[in-house]
Amino acid sequence: MRILRLGHRTAVAADVIALVVFVTIGLLTHHGDVSAADYARDAIPIVGCWLLAGGTFDLYKHPRPRSLVATWLTGVTAGVLVRALVRWHFDGGDGVFLLVALCFTLLFVAAARLAASVVRT
């Protein structure tokens, strides 16, 4: 798979950029603007949990489809839970947000990694 054959730094950068783009689009769509506090509340938990999961499942040392899927499911789910804890607010909207986050983060990460692989070749 082309999206798994990136160098370590390129893969990390592509993933972080994809997740920050996801958060930015969400903030602009729902709030109309972005701020440092918005990024701290939304991006840091999602990106941080993604990177922790990526390290746990060796996504960057030994990239395999299985490690990407495990990182995606665990990292995004944990990030959404941490975000809810930071907001100190749990409701049905968090479940919807989790489903949206799972769908779009996978799409954005795959697109960013594909773009990075095209640029590097």
Protein backbone atom coordinates (compact mmCIF):
# COMPACT_ATOMS: atom_id res chain seq x y z
CA MET A 1 0.00 0.00 0.00
CA ARG A 2 1.41 3.29 -1.11
CA ILE A 3 0.17 5.24 1.93
CA LEU A 4 2.15 2.95 4.24
CA ARG A 5 5.48 3.31 2.41
CA LEU A 6 6.31 6.78 3.71
CA GLY A 7 9.35 7.68 5.75
CA HIS A 8 8.85 8.06 9.48
CA ARG A 9 8.89 11.88 9.56
CA THR A 10 6.78 12.19 6.43
CA ALA A 11 4.15 9.82 7.80
CA VAL A 12 3.97 11.64 11.14
CA ALA A 13 3.74 15.03 9.39
CA ALA A 14 1.04 13.82 6.99
CA ASP A 15 -1.03 12.38 9.84
CA VAL A 16 -0.74 15.50 12.01
CA ILE A 17 -1.59 17.79 9.09
CA ALA A 18 -4.61 15.64 8.19
CA LEU A 19 -5.92 15.68 11.75
CA VAL A 20 -5.41 19.44 12.13
CA VAL A 21 -7.23 20.01 8.82
CA PHE A 22 -10.10 17.86 10.10
CA VAL A 23 -10.31 19.93 13.30
CA THR A 24 -10.03 23.22 11.38
CA ILE A 25 -12.85 22.32 9.01
CA GLY A 26 -15.00 21.26 11.95
CA LEU A 27 -14.35 24.49 13.83
CA LEU A 28 -15.04 26.65 10.79
CA THR A 29 -18.20 24.70 9.99
CA HIS A 30 -19.64 24.78 13.50
CA HIS A 31 -18.21 27.99 14.99
CA GLY A 32 -17.31 30.11 11.98
CA ASP A 33 -13.83 30.84 13.31
CA VAL A 34 -10.89 29.26 15.08
CA SER A 35 -8.81 30.24 18.08
CA ALA A 36 -5.88 28.87 20.02
CA ALA A 37 -8.30 27.73 22.73
CA ASP A 38 -10.36 25.85 20.13
CA TYR A 39 -7.26 24.07 18.86
CA ALA A 40 -6.15 23.28 22.40
CA ARG A 41 -9.56 21.81 23.20
CA ASP A 42 -10.05 19.85 19.96
CA ALA A 43 -6.77 19.25 18.13
CA ILE A 44 -4.42 18.46 21.00
CA PRO A 45 -6.48 15.51 22.34
CA ILE A 46 -7.10 14.02 18.90
CA VAL A 47 -3.56 14.47 17.57
CA GLY A 48 -1.99 13.47 20.88
CA CYS A 49 -4.04 10.29 21.21
CA TRP A 50 -3.39 9.45 17.54
CA LEU A 51 0.38 9.73 18.05
CA LEU A 52 0.26 7.70 21.27
CA ALA A 53 -1.76 5.00 19.52
CA GLY A 54 0.61 5.14 16.54
CA GLY A 55 3.53 4.48 18.87
CA THR A 56 1.66 1.72 20.65
CA PHE A 57 0.78 -0.10 17.43
CA ASP A 58 4.15 0.61 15.71
CA LEU A 59 2.48 2.54 12.91
CA TYR A 60 5.61 4.54 12.21
CA LYS A 61 8.27 1.86 12.79
CA HIS A 62 6.56 -1.08 11.07
CA PRO A 63 3.67 0.35 9.03
CA ARG A 64 1.04 -2.24 8.15
CA PRO A 65 -2.66 -1.93 7.38
CA ARG A 66 -3.44 -3.51 10.75
CA SER A 67 -1.39 -0.90 12.64
CA LEU A 68 -3.04 1.95 10.71
CA VAL A 69 -6.53 0.64 11.49
CA ALA A 70 -5.68 0.06 15.17
CA THR A 71 -4.16 3.55 15.44
CA TRP A 72 -7.17 5.10 13.74
CA LEU A 73 -9.80 3.35 15.88
CA THR A 74 -7.96 3.71 19.18
CA GLY A 75 -6.43 7.15 18.64
CA VAL A 76 -9.54 8.89 17.37
CA THR A 77 -11.83 7.23 19.92
CA ALA A 78 -9.50 8.13 22.80
CA GLY A 79 -9.06 11.65 21.42
CA VAL A 80 -12.81 12.21 21.30
CA LEU A 81 -13.15 10.90 24.88
CA VAL A 82 -10.34 13.16 26.12
CA ARG A 83 -11.94 16.09 24.27
CA ALA A 84 -15.24 15.38 26.05
CA LEU A 85 -13.42 15.27 29.39
CA VAL A 86 -11.71 18.59 28.65
CA ARG A 87 -15.09 20.11 27.76
CA TRP A 88 -16.54 18.43 30.87
CA HIS A 89 -19.60 17.63 28.82
CA PHE A 90 -20.95 14.25 27.68
CA ASP A 91 -24.11 13.81 25.63
CA GLY A 92 -25.46 12.15 22.49
CA GLY A 93 -23.60 14.69 20.38
CA ASP A 94 -20.32 13.13 21.47
CA GLY A 95 -21.36 9.80 19.96
CA VAL A 96 -22.27 11.51 16.70
CA PHE A 97 -18.99 13.41 16.78
CA LEU A 98 -17.12 10.13 17.27
CA LEU A 99 -18.77 8.61 14.20
CA VAL A 100 -18.07 11.70 12.10
CA ALA A 101 -14.50 11.87 13.41
CA LEU A 102 -13.87 8.20 12.59
CA CYS A 103 -15.16 8.59 9.04
CA PHE A 104 -13.44 11.83 8.16
CA THR A 105 -10.13 11.34 9.95
CA LEU A 106 -9.57 8.10 8.05
CA LEU A 107 -10.39 9.86 4.80
CA PHE A 108 -8.15 12.84 5.59
CA VAL A 109 -5.24 10.69 6.79
CA ALA A 110 -5.41 8.49 3.69
CA ALA A 111 -5.58 11.56 1.43
CA ALA A 112 -2.68 13.30 3.20
CA ARG A 113 -0.53 10.18 3.07
CA LEU A 114 -1.37 9.63 -0.60
CA ALA A 115 -0.48 13.25 -1.39
CA ALA A 116 2.78 12.91 0.55
CA SER A 117 3.66 9.73 -1.35
CA VAL A 118 3.02 11.44 -4.68
CA VAL A 119 5.11 14.48 -3.73
CA ARG A 120 8.02 12.28 -2.57
CA THR A 121 8.18 10.26 -5.82
